[in-house]
């Protein structure tokens, strides 16, 4: 497990920041077909959420989390990196400190 994966598994803020966050952007049909249908929202535009939390997220924010579809997660989830502006914004919402940026 990489350091980035470890940081994410003790956070999960980006997966609970907004119901508009886990959206589909550049995925092709083959990639979208890998995401279980029960986890896709009714508009077919992103992940299903309960409130602002992605339904694929398991665990407690800020403690221990995991993605139930990590291997096939949407591109927007793949591009969010620990310490980047999106990560910092999501962590701030949950009262967590920003992570150091990668150099």
PDB file of N, CA and C in Angstrom:
ATOM      1  N   UNK A   1       0.853  -1.177   0.000  1.00  0.00           N
ATOM      2  CA  UNK A   1       0.000   0.000   0.000  1.00  0.00           C
ATOM      3  C   UNK A   1       0.897   1.238   0.000  1.00  0.00           C
ATOM      4  N   UNK A   2       0.571   2.199  -0.873  1.00  0.00           N
ATOM      5  CA  UNK A   2       1.363   3.423  -0.940  1.00  0.00           C
ATOM      6  C   UNK A   2       1.003   4.343   0.215  1.00  0.00           C
ATOM      7  N   UNK A   3       1.858   5.330   0.448  1.00  0.00           N
ATOM      8  CA  UNK A   3       1.585   6.315   1.504  1.00  0.00           C
ATOM      9  C   UNK A   3       0.297   7.059   1.203  1.00  0.00           C
ATOM     10  N   UNK A   4       0.057   7.372  -0.080  1.00  0.00           N
ATOM     11  CA  UNK A   4      -1.172   8.077  -0.461  1.00  0.00           C
ATOM     12  C   UNK A   4      -2.409   7.249  -0.134  1.00  0.00           C
ATOM     13  N   UNK A   5      -2.369   5.950  -0.436  1.00  0.00           N
ATOM     14  CA  UNK A   5      -3.507   5.089  -0.127  1.00  0.00           C
ATOM     15  C   UNK A   5      -3.741   5.038   1.374  1.00  0.00           C
ATOM     16  N   UNK A   6      -2.673   4.991   2.145  1.00  0.00           N
ATOM     17  CA  UNK A   6      -2.784   4.970   3.596  1.00  0.00           C
ATOM     18  C   UNK A   6      -3.436   6.251   4.111  1.00  0.00           C
ATOM     19  N   UNK A   7      -3.020   7.399   3.584  1.00  0.00           N
ATOM     20  CA  UNK A   7      -3.625   8.669   3.985  1.00  0.00           C
ATOM     21  C   UNK A   7      -5.110   8.692   3.662  1.00  0.00           C
ATOM     22  N   UNK A   8      -5.461   8.222   2.484  1.00  0.00           N
ATOM     23  CA  UNK A   8      -6.864   8.220   2.084  1.00  0.00           C
ATOM     24  C   UNK A   8      -7.705   7.283   2.939  1.00  0.00           C
ATOM     25  N   UNK A   9      -7.134   6.163   3.341  1.00  0.00           N
ATOM     26  CA  UNK A   9      -7.890   5.196   4.132  1.00  0.00           C
ATOM     27  C   UNK A   9      -8.081   5.632   5.572  1.00  0.00           C
ATOM     28  N   UNK A  10      -7.437   6.726   5.962  1.00  0.00           N
ATOM     29  CA  UNK A  10      -7.691   7.269   7.298  1.00  0.00           C
ATOM     30  C   UNK A  10      -8.428   8.600   7.187  1.00  0.00           C
ATOM     31  N   UNK A  11      -9.000   8.890   6.027  1.00  0.00           N
ATOM     32  CA  UNK A  11      -9.659  10.179   5.811  1.00  0.00           C
ATOM     33  C   UNK A  11     -11.061   9.972   5.245  1.00  0.00           C
ATOM     34  N   UNK A  12     -11.194   9.921   3.920  1.00  0.00           N
ATOM     35  CA  UNK A  12     -12.489   9.742   3.275  1.00  0.00           C
ATOM     36  C   UNK A  12     -13.274  11.021   3.079  1.00  0.00           C
ATOM     37  N   UNK A  13     -12.695  12.178   3.417  1.00  0.00           N
ATOM     38  CA  UNK A  13     -13.423  13.442   3.313  1.00  0.00           C
ATOM     39  C   UNK A  13     -13.875  13.746   1.894  1.00  0.00           C
ATOM     40  N   UNK A  14     -13.041  13.454   0.907  1.00  0.00           N
ATOM     41  CA  UNK A  14     -13.411  13.776  -0.474  1.00  0.00           C
ATOM     42  C   UNK A  14     -14.620  12.956  -0.921  1.00  0.00           C
ATOM     43  N   UNK A  15     -14.812  11.796  -0.344  1.00  0.00           N
ATOM     44  CA  UNK A  15     -15.927  10.920  -0.704  1.00  0.00           C
ATOM     45  C   UNK A  15     -17.230  11.316   0.000  1.00  0.00           C
ATOM     46  N   UNK A  16     -17.150  12.304   0.866  1.00  0.00           N
ATOM     47  CA  UNK A  16     -18.326  12.751   1.617  1.00  0.00           C
ATOM     48  C   UNK A  16     -18.515  14.260   1.535  1.00  0.00           C
ATOM     49  N   UNK A  17     -17.843  14.881   0.611  1.00  0.00           N
ATOM     50  CA  UNK A  17     -17.860  16.335   0.511  1.00  0.00           C
ATOM     51  C   UNK A  17     -19.126  16.861  -0.161  1.00  0.00           C
ATOM     52  N   UNK A  18     -19.561  16.223  -1.226  1.00  0.00           N
ATOM     53  CA  UNK A  18     -20.705  16.723  -1.990  1.00  0.00           C
ATOM     54  C   UNK A  18     -21.279  15.602  -2.838  1.00  0.00           C
ATOM     55  N   UNK A  19     -22.580  15.579  -2.972  1.00  0.00           N
ATOM     56  CA  UNK A  19     -23.205  14.566  -3.831  1.00  0.00           C
ATOM     57  C   UNK A  19     -22.882  14.817  -5.299  1.00  0.00           C
ATOM     58  N   UNK A  20     -22.379  15.993  -5.636  1.00  0.00           N
ATOM     59  CA  UNK A  20     -21.976  16.293  -7.012  1.00  0.00           C
ATOM     60  C   UNK A  20     -20.526  15.930  -7.285  1.00  0.00           C
ATOM     61  N   UNK A  21     -19.783  15.583  -6.246  1.00  0.00           N
ATOM     62  CA  UNK A  21     -18.353  15.298  -6.401  1.00  0.00           C
ATOM     63  C   UNK A  21     -18.093  14.010  -7.170  1.00  0.00           C
ATOM     64  N   UNK A  22     -18.651  12.881  -6.746  1.00  0.00           N
ATOM     65  CA  UNK A  22     -18.299  11.637  -7.445  1.00  0.00           C
ATOM     66  C   UNK A  22     -19.060  11.503  -8.765  1.00  0.00           C
ATOM     67  N   UNK A  23     -18.767  12.419  -9.675  1.00  0.00           N
ATOM     68  CA  UNK A  23     -19.462  12.469 -10.960  1.00  0.00           C
ATOM     69  C   UNK A  23     -18.646  11.742 -12.021  1.00  0.00           C
ATOM     70  N   UNK A  24     -19.313  11.392 -13.087  1.00  0.00           N
ATOM     71  CA  UNK A  24     -18.629  10.764 -14.206  1.00  0.00           C
ATOM     72  C   UNK A  24     -18.215  11.876 -15.165  1.00  0.00           C
ATOM     73  N   UNK A  25     -17.003  11.794 -15.660  1.00  0.00           N
ATOM     74  CA  UNK A  25     -16.492  12.851 -16.535  1.00  0.00           C
ATOM     75  C   UNK A  25     -16.025  12.279 -17.868  1.00  0.00           C
ATOM     76  N   UNK A  26     -14.910  11.579 -17.860  1.00  0.00           N
ATOM     77  CA  UNK A  26     -14.344  11.105 -19.123  1.00  0.00           C
ATOM     78  C   UNK A  26     -14.408   9.587 -19.266  1.00  0.00           C
ATOM     79  N   UNK A  27     -15.130   8.915 -18.397  1.00  0.00           N
ATOM     80  CA  UNK A  27     -15.229   7.459 -18.462  1.00  0.00           C
ATOM     81  C   UNK A  27     -15.950   7.046 -19.750  1.00  0.00           C
ATOM     82  N   UNK A  28     -15.457   5.979 -20.346  1.00  0.00           N
ATOM     83  CA  UNK A  28     -16.170   5.444 -21.505  1.00  0.00           C
ATOM     84  C   UNK A  28     -17.202   4.426 -21.008  1.00  0.00           C
ATOM     85  N   UNK A  29     -18.030   3.953 -21.916  1.00  0.00           N
ATOM     86  CA  UNK A  29     -19.098   3.026 -21.531  1.00  0.00           C
ATOM     87  C   UNK A  29     -18.555   1.756 -20.888  1.00  0.00           C
ATOM     88  N   UNK A  30     -17.420   1.270 -21.378  1.00  0.00           N
ATOM     89  CA  UNK A  30     -16.839   0.044 -20.809  1.00  0.00           C
ATOM     90  C   UNK A  30     -16.444   0.252 -19.350  1.00  0.00           C
ATOM     91  N   UNK A  31     -15.875   1.408 -19.029  1.00  0.00           N
ATOM     92  CA  UNK A  31     -15.495   1.703 -17.641  1.00  0.00           C
ATOM     93  C   UNK A  31     -16.739   1.856 -16.769  1.00  0.00           C
ATOM     94  N   UNK A  32     -17.743   2.524 -17.272  1.00  0.00           N
ATOM     95  CA  UNK A  32     -18.974   2.719 -16.499  1.00  0.00           C
ATOM     96  C   UNK A  32     -19.703   1.401 -16.250  1.00  0.00           C
ATOM     97  N   UNK A  33     -19.612   0.483 -17.189  1.00  0.00           N
ATOM     98  CA  UNK A  33     -20.255  -0.822 -17.021  1.00  0.00           C
ATOM     99  C   UNK A  33     -19.658  -1.622 -15.868  1.00  0.00           C
ATOM    100  N   UNK A  34     -18.450  -1.290 -15.441  1.00  0.00           N
ATOM    101  CA  UNK A  34     -17.797  -2.000 -14.334  1.00  0.00           C
ATOM    102  C   UNK A  34     -18.300  -1.544 -12.971  1.00  0.00           C
ATOM    103  N   UNK A  35     -18.939  -0.381 -12.922  1.00  0.00           N
ATOM    104  CA  UNK A  35     -19.464   0.145 -11.660  1.00  0.00           C
ATOM    105  C   UNK A  35     -20.829  -0.495 -11.407  1.00  0.00           C
ATOM    106  N   UNK A  36     -21.012  -1.127 -10.256  1.00  0.00           N
ATOM    107  CA  UNK A  36     -22.299  -1.768  -9.973  1.00  0.00           C
ATOM    108  C   UNK A  36     -23.462  -0.777 -10.116  1.00  0.00           C
ATOM    109  N   UNK A  37     -24.495  -1.189 -10.820  1.00  0.00           N
ATOM    110  CA  UNK A  37     -25.633  -0.323 -11.124  1.00  0.00           C
ATOM    111  C   UNK A  37     -26.270   0.280  -9.871  1.00  0.00           C
ATOM    112  N   UNK A  38     -26.307  -0.455  -8.769  1.00  0.00           N
ATOM    113  CA  UNK A  38     -26.942   0.064  -7.550  1.00  0.00           C
ATOM    114  C   UNK A  38     -26.145   1.213  -6.931  1.00  0.00           C
ATOM    115  N   UNK A  39     -24.906   1.439  -7.402  1.00  0.00           N
ATOM    116  CA  UNK A  39     -24.086   2.537  -6.888  1.00  0.00           C
ATOM    117  C   UNK A  39     -24.081   3.759  -7.817  1.00  0.00           C
ATOM    118  N   UNK A  40     -24.829   3.693  -8.910  1.00  0.00           N
ATOM    119  CA  UNK A  40     -24.910   4.801  -9.862  1.00  0.00           C
ATOM    120  C   UNK A  40     -26.188   5.590  -9.585  1.00  0.00           C
ATOM    121  N   UNK A  41     -26.071   6.933  -9.630  1.00  0.00           N
ATOM    122  CA  UNK A  41     -27.247   7.759  -9.334  1.00  0.00           C
ATOM    123  C   UNK A  41     -28.323   7.629 -10.418  1.00  0.00           C
ATOM    124  N   UNK A  42     -29.513   8.119 -10.114  1.00  0.00           N
ATOM    125  CA  UNK A  42     -30.657   7.986 -11.017  1.00  0.00           C
ATOM    126  C   UNK A  42     -30.458   8.718 -12.341  1.00  0.00           C
ATOM    127  N   UNK A  43     -29.648   9.771 -12.352  1.00  0.00           N
ATOM    128  CA  UNK A  43     -29.380  10.518 -13.589  1.00  0.00           C
ATOM    129  C   UNK A  43     -28.288   9.865 -14.420  1.00  0.00           C
ATOM    130  N   UNK A  44     -27.652   8.824 -13.892  1.00  0.00           N
ATOM    131  CA  UNK A  44     -26.541   8.125 -14.539  1.00  0.00           C
ATOM    132  C   UNK A  44     -25.344   9.048 -14.766  1.00  0.00           C
ATOM    133  N   UNK A  45     -25.236  10.075 -13.917  1.00  0.00           N
ATOM    134  CA  UNK A  45     -24.178  11.074 -14.085  1.00  0.00           C
ATOM    135  C   UNK A  45     -23.056  10.943 -13.064  1.00  0.00           C
ATOM    136  N   UNK A  46     -23.229  10.052 -12.094  1.00  0.00           N
ATOM    137  CA  UNK A  46     -22.219   9.899 -11.052  1.00  0.00           C
ATOM    138  C   UNK A  46     -22.613   8.823 -10.069  1.00  0.00           C
ATOM    139  N   UNK A  47     -21.881   8.782  -8.996  1.00  0.00           N
ATOM    140  CA  UNK A  47     -22.126   7.786  -7.965  1.00  0.00           C
ATOM    141  C   UNK A  47     -23.362   8.152  -7.140  1.00  0.00           C
ATOM    142  N   UNK A  48     -24.086   7.138  -6.706  1.00  0.00           N
ATOM    143  CA  UNK A  48     -25.226   7.348  -5.796  1.00  0.00           C
ATOM    144  C   UNK A  48     -24.662   7.795  -4.451  1.00  0.00           C
ATOM    145  N   UNK A  49     -25.331   8.736  -3.836  1.00  0.00           N
ATOM    146  CA  UNK A  49     -24.899   9.253  -2.536  1.00  0.00           C
ATOM    147  C   UNK A  49     -26.055   9.224  -1.559  1.00  0.00           C
ATOM    148  N   UNK A  50     -25.725   9.101  -0.295  1.00  0.00           N
ATOM    149  CA  UNK A  50     -26.673   9.311   0.795  1.00  0.00           C
ATOM    150  C   UNK A  50     -26.283  10.646   1.392  1.00  0.00           C
ATOM    151  N   UNK A  51     -27.088  11.662   1.157  1.00  0.00           N
ATOM    152  CA  UNK A  51     -26.697  13.018   1.508  1.00  0.00           C
ATOM    153  C   UNK A  51     -25.519  13.399   0.627  1.00  0.00           C
ATOM    154  N   UNK A  52     -24.411  13.760   1.224  1.00  0.00           N
ATOM    155  CA  UNK A  52     -23.213  14.105   0.469  1.00  0.00           C
ATOM    156  C   UNK A  52     -22.206  12.965   0.393  1.00  0.00           C
ATOM    157  N   UNK A  53     -22.507  11.848   1.003  1.00  0.00           N
ATOM    158  CA  UNK A  53     -21.560  10.728   1.105  1.00  0.00           C
ATOM    159  C   UNK A  53     -21.779   9.707  -0.010  1.00  0.00           C
ATOM    160  N   UNK A  54     -20.706   9.372  -0.719  1.00  0.00           N
ATOM    161  CA  UNK A  54     -20.757   8.359  -1.766  1.00  0.00           C
ATOM    162  C   UNK A  54     -21.133   7.010  -1.146  1.00  0.00           C
ATOM    163  N   UNK A  55     -22.050   6.313  -1.782  1.00  0.00           N
ATOM    164  CA  UNK A  55     -22.509   5.020  -1.252  1.00  0.00           C
ATOM    165  C   UNK A  55     -21.444   3.923  -1.342  1.00  0.00           C
ATOM    166  N   UNK A  56     -20.375   4.153  -2.109  1.00  0.00           N
ATOM    167  CA  UNK A  56     -19.302   3.161  -2.190  1.00  0.00           C
ATOM    168  C   UNK A  56     -18.322   3.283  -1.026  1.00  0.00           C
ATOM    169  N   UNK A  57     -18.434   4.350  -0.242  1.00  0.00           N
ATOM    170  CA  UNK A  57     -17.514   4.575   0.869  1.00  0.00           C
ATOM    171  C   UNK A  57     -17.969   3.805   2.101  1.00  0.00           C
ATOM    172  N   UNK A  58     -17.028   3.095   2.704  1.00  0.00           N
ATOM    173  CA  UNK A  58     -17.279   2.391   3.961  1.00  0.00           C
ATOM    174  C   UNK A  58     -16.398   3.001   5.040  1.00  0.00           C
ATOM    175  N   UNK A  59     -16.856   2.958   6.276  1.00  0.00           N
ATOM    176  CA  UNK A  59     -16.047   3.406   7.399  1.00  0.00           C
ATOM    177  C   UNK A  59     -16.450   4.771   7.924  1.00  0.00           C
ATOM    178  N   UNK A  60     -15.628   5.275   8.837  1.00  0.00           N
ATOM    179  CA  UNK A  60     -15.897   6.545   9.509  1.00  0.00           C
ATOM    180  C   UNK A  60     -14.905   7.602   9.035  1.00  0.00           C
ATOM    181  N   UNK A  61     -15.445   8.739   8.572  1.00  0.00           N
ATOM    182  CA  UNK A  61     -14.624   9.837   8.071  1.00  0.00           C
ATOM    183  C   UNK A  61     -13.616  10.255   9.134  1.00  0.00           C
ATOM    184  N   UNK A  62     -12.368  10.409   8.699  1.00  0.00           N
ATOM    185  CA  UNK A  62     -11.307  10.851   9.596  1.00  0.00           C
ATOM    186  C   UNK A  62     -10.686   9.756  10.433  1.00  0.00           C
ATOM    187  N   UNK A  63     -11.195   8.538  10.305  1.00  0.00           N
ATOM    188  CA  UNK A  63     -10.650   7.426  11.084  1.00  0.00           C
ATOM    189  C   UNK A  63     -10.178   6.309  10.163  1.00  0.00           C
ATOM    190  N   UNK A  64     -11.105   5.509   9.697  1.00  0.00           N
ATOM    191  CA  UNK A  64     -10.779   4.408   8.795  1.00  0.00           C
ATOM    192  C   UNK A  64     -11.854   4.326   7.728  1.00  0.00           C
ATOM    193  N   UNK A  65     -11.445   4.451   6.469  1.00  0.00           N
ATOM    194  CA  UNK A  65     -12.393   4.381   5.361  1.00  0.00           C
ATOM    195  C   UNK A  65     -11.827   3.509   4.253  1.00  0.00           C
ATOM    196  N   UNK A  66     -12.711   3.071   3.377  1.00  0.00           N
ATOM    197  CA  UNK A  66     -12.292   2.347   2.183  1.00  0.00           C
ATOM    198  C   UNK A  66     -13.349   2.527   1.107  1.00  0.00           C
ATOM    199  N   UNK A  67     -12.912   2.379  -0.130  1.00  0.00           N
ATOM    200  CA  UNK A  67     -13.813   2.486  -1.276  1.00  0.00           C
ATOM    201  C   UNK A  67     -14.194   1.080  -1.716  1.00  0.00           C
ATOM    202  N   UNK A  68     -15.482   0.834  -1.805  1.00  0.00           N
ATOM    203  CA  UNK A  68     -15.969  -0.477  -2.207  1.00  0.00           C
ATOM    204  C   UNK A  68     -15.739  -0.787  -3.675  1.00  0.00           C
ATOM    205  N   UNK A  69     -15.400   0.225  -4.473  1.00  0.00           N
ATOM    206  CA  UNK A  69     -15.150   0.010  -5.904  1.00  0.00           C
ATOM    207  C   UNK A  69     -13.812   0.637  -6.312  1.00  0.00           C
ATOM    208  N   UNK A  70     -12.850   0.616  -5.428  1.00  0.00           N
ATOM    209  CA  UNK A  70     -11.579   1.304  -5.642  1.00  0.00           C
ATOM    210  C   UNK A  70     -10.974   1.021  -7.022  1.00  0.00           C
ATOM    211  N   UNK A  71     -10.960  -0.216  -7.440  1.00  0.00           N
ATOM    212  CA  UNK A  71     -10.328  -0.580  -8.714  1.00  0.00           C
ATOM    213  C   UNK A  71     -11.049  -0.002  -9.921  1.00  0.00           C
ATOM    214  N   UNK A  72     -12.335   0.302  -9.791  1.00  0.00           N
ATOM    215  CA  UNK A  72     -13.112   0.812 -10.934  1.00  0.00           C
ATOM    216  C   UNK A  72     -13.722   2.190 -10.640  1.00  0.00           C
ATOM    217  N   UNK A  73     -13.198   2.898  -9.637  1.00  0.00           N
ATOM    218  CA  UNK A  73     -13.750   4.198  -9.250  1.00  0.00           C
ATOM    219  C   UNK A  73     -13.676   5.195 -10.408  1.00  0.00           C
ATOM    220  N   UNK A  74     -14.560   6.214 -10.395  1.00  0.00           N
ATOM    221  CA  UNK A  74     -14.569   7.213 -11.462  1.00  0.00           C
ATOM    222  C   UNK A  74     -13.260   8.010 -11.536  1.00  0.00           C
ATOM    223  N   UNK A  75     -13.025   8.606 -12.686  1.00  0.00           N
ATOM    224  CA  UNK A  75     -11.801   9.375 -12.915  1.00  0.00           C
ATOM    225  C   UNK A  75     -11.642  10.517 -11.917  1.00  0.00           C
ATOM    226  N   UNK A  76     -12.716  11.200 -11.558  1.00  0.00           N
ATOM    227  CA  UNK A  76     -12.615  12.308 -10.608  1.00  0.00           C
ATOM    228  C   UNK A  76     -12.066  11.812  -9.266  1.00  0.00           C
ATOM    229  N   UNK A  77     -12.375  10.587  -8.910  1.00  0.00           N
ATOM    230  CA  UNK A  77     -11.852  10.000  -7.677  1.00  0.00           C
ATOM    231  C   UNK A  77     -10.373   9.651  -7.828  1.00  0.00           C
ATOM    232  N   UNK A  78      -9.992   9.224  -9.007  1.00  0.00           N
ATOM    233  CA  UNK A  78      -8.597   8.862  -9.263  1.00  0.00           C
ATOM    234  C   UNK A  78      -7.678  10.083  -9.259  1.00  0.00           C
ATOM    235  N   UNK A  79      -8.203  11.229  -9.676  1.00  0.00           N
ATOM    236  CA  UNK A  79      -7.354  12.415  -9.803  1.00  0.00           C
ATOM    237  C   UNK A  79      -7.234  13.212  -8.512  1.00  0.00           C
ATOM    238  N   UNK A  80      -8.097  12.975  -7.548  1.00  0.00           N
ATOM    239  CA  UNK A  80      -7.985  13.663  -6.259  1.00  0.00           C
ATOM    240  C   UNK A  80      -6.800  13.055  -5.510  1.00  0.00           C
ATOM    241  N   UNK A  81      -5.827  13.872  -5.196  1.00  0.00           N
ATOM    242  CA  UNK A  81      -4.598  13.409  -4.556  1.00  0.00           C
ATOM    243  C   UNK A  81      -4.488  13.975  -3.143  1.00  0.00           C
ATOM    244  N   UNK A  82      -3.947  13.211  -2.212  1.00  0.00           N
ATOM    245  CA  UNK A  82      -3.742  13.731  -0.861  1.00  0.00           C
ATOM    246  C   UNK A  82      -2.954  15.042  -0.889  1.00  0.00           C
ATOM    247  N   UNK A  83      -3.506  16.066  -0.248  1.00  0.00           N
ATOM    248  CA  UNK A  83      -2.841  17.359  -0.149  1.00  0.00           C
ATOM    249  C   UNK A  83      -3.154  18.325  -1.275  1.00  0.00           C
ATOM    250  N   UNK A  84      -3.856  17.880  -2.333  1.00  0.00           N
ATOM    251  CA  UNK A  84      -4.173  18.814  -3.421  1.00  0.00           C
ATOM    252  C   UNK A  84      -5.323  19.732  -2.983  1.00  0.00           C
ATOM    253  N   UNK A  85      -5.638  20.764  -3.778  1.00  0.00           N
ATOM    254  CA  UNK A  85      -6.679  21.719  -3.363  1.00  0.00           C
ATOM    255  C   UNK A  85      -8.028  21.076  -3.065  1.00  0.00           C
ATOM    256  N   UNK A  86      -8.420  20.069  -3.839  1.00  0.00           N
ATOM    257  CA  UNK A  86      -9.706  19.415  -3.602  1.00  0.00           C
ATOM    258  C   UNK A  86      -9.685  18.649  -2.285  1.00  0.00           C
ATOM    259  N   UNK A  87      -8.587  17.968  -2.024  1.00  0.00           N
ATOM    260  CA  UNK A  87      -8.419  17.239  -0.765  1.00  0.00           C
ATOM    261  C   UNK A  87      -8.489  18.215   0.411  1.00  0.00           C
ATOM    262  N   UNK A  88      -7.763  19.302   0.304  1.00  0.00           N
ATOM    263  CA  UNK A  88      -7.716  20.293   1.378  1.00  0.00           C
ATOM    264  C   UNK A  88      -9.098  20.868   1.652  1.00  0.00           C
ATOM    265  N   UNK A  89      -9.837  21.185   0.597  1.00  0.00           N
ATOM    266  CA  UNK A  89     -11.186  21.733   0.734  1.00  0.00           C
ATOM    267  C   UNK A  89     -12.099  20.735   1.448  1.00  0.00           C
ATOM    268  N   UNK A  90     -12.034  19.471   1.049  1.00  0.00           N
ATOM    269  CA  UNK A  90     -12.878  18.447   1.666  1.00  0.00           C
ATOM    270  C   UNK A  90     -12.482  18.216   3.123  1.00  0.00           C
ATOM    271  N   UNK A  91     -11.189  18.135   3.399  1.00  0.00           N
ATOM    272  CA  UNK A  91     -10.739  17.920   4.772  1.00  0.00           C
ATOM    273  C   UNK A  91     -11.165  19.080   5.672  1.00  0.00           C
ATOM    274  N   UNK A  92     -11.075  20.295   5.158  1.00  0.00           N
ATOM    275  CA  UNK A  92     -11.462  21.478   5.936  1.00  0.00           C
ATOM    276  C   UNK A  92     -12.929  21.391   6.344  1.00  0.00           C
ATOM    277  N   UNK A  93     -13.769  20.894   5.456  1.00  0.00           N
ATOM    278  CA  UNK A  93     -15.200  20.771   5.760  1.00  0.00           C
ATOM    279  C   UNK A  93     -15.441  19.883   6.978  1.00  0.00           C
ATOM    280  N   UNK A  94     -14.573  18.902   7.168  1.00  0.00           N
ATOM    281  CA  UNK A  94     -14.713  17.973   8.291  1.00  0.00           C
ATOM    282  C   UNK A  94     -13.822  18.337   9.465  1.00  0.00           C
ATOM    283  N   UNK A  95     -13.243  19.535   9.425  1.00  0.00           N
ATOM    284  CA  UNK A  95     -12.424  20.016  10.542  1.00  0.00           C
ATOM    285  C   UNK A  95     -11.062  19.367  10.635  1.00  0.00           C
ATOM    286  N   UNK A  96     -10.590  18.777   9.544  1.00  0.00           N
ATOM    287  CA  UNK A  96      -9.274  18.137   9.541  1.00  0.00           C
ATOM    288  C   UNK A  96      -8.229  19.085   8.966  1.00  0.00           C
ATOM    289  N   UNK A  97      -7.017  18.951   9.436  1.00  0.00           N
ATOM    290  CA  UNK A  97      -5.918  19.751   8.913  1.00  0.00           C
ATOM    291  C   UNK A  97      -5.594  19.357   7.488  1.00  0.00           C
ATOM    292  N   UNK A  98      -5.040  20.303   6.733  1.00  0.00           N
ATOM    293  CA  UNK A  98      -4.580  20.023   5.376  1.00  0.00           C
ATOM    294  C   UNK A  98      -3.385  19.081   5.439  1.00  0.00           C
ATOM    295  N   UNK A  99      -3.240  18.271   4.421  1.00  0.00           N
ATOM    296  CA  UNK A  99      -2.080  17.395   4.296  1.00  0.00           C
ATOM    297  C   UNK A  99      -0.972  18.141   3.568  1.00  0.00           C
ATOM    298  N   UNK A 100       0.273  17.775   3.807  1.00  0.00           N
ATOM    299  CA  UNK A 100       1.351  18.388   3.026  1.00  0.00           C
ATOM    300  C   UNK A 100       1.214  18.033   1.558  1.00  0.00           C
ATOM    301  N   UNK A 101       1.539  18.952   0.681  1.00  0.00           N
ATOM    302  CA  UNK A 101       1.459  18.665  -0.754  1.00  0.00           C
ATOM    303  C   UNK A 101       2.643  17.813  -1.160  1.00  0.00           C
ATOM    304  N   UNK A 102       2.448  17.042  -2.217  1.00  0.00           N
ATOM    305  CA  UNK A 102       3.520  16.206  -2.746  1.00  0.00           C
ATOM    306  C   UNK A 102       4.432  17.052  -3.601  1.00  0.00           C
ATOM    307  N   UNK A 103       5.708  16.771  -3.540  1.00  0.00           N
ATOM    308  CA  UNK A 103       6.660  17.535  -4.342  1.00  0.00           C
ATOM    309  C   UNK A 103       7.191  16.708  -5.473  1.00  0.00           C
TER     310      UNK A 103
END
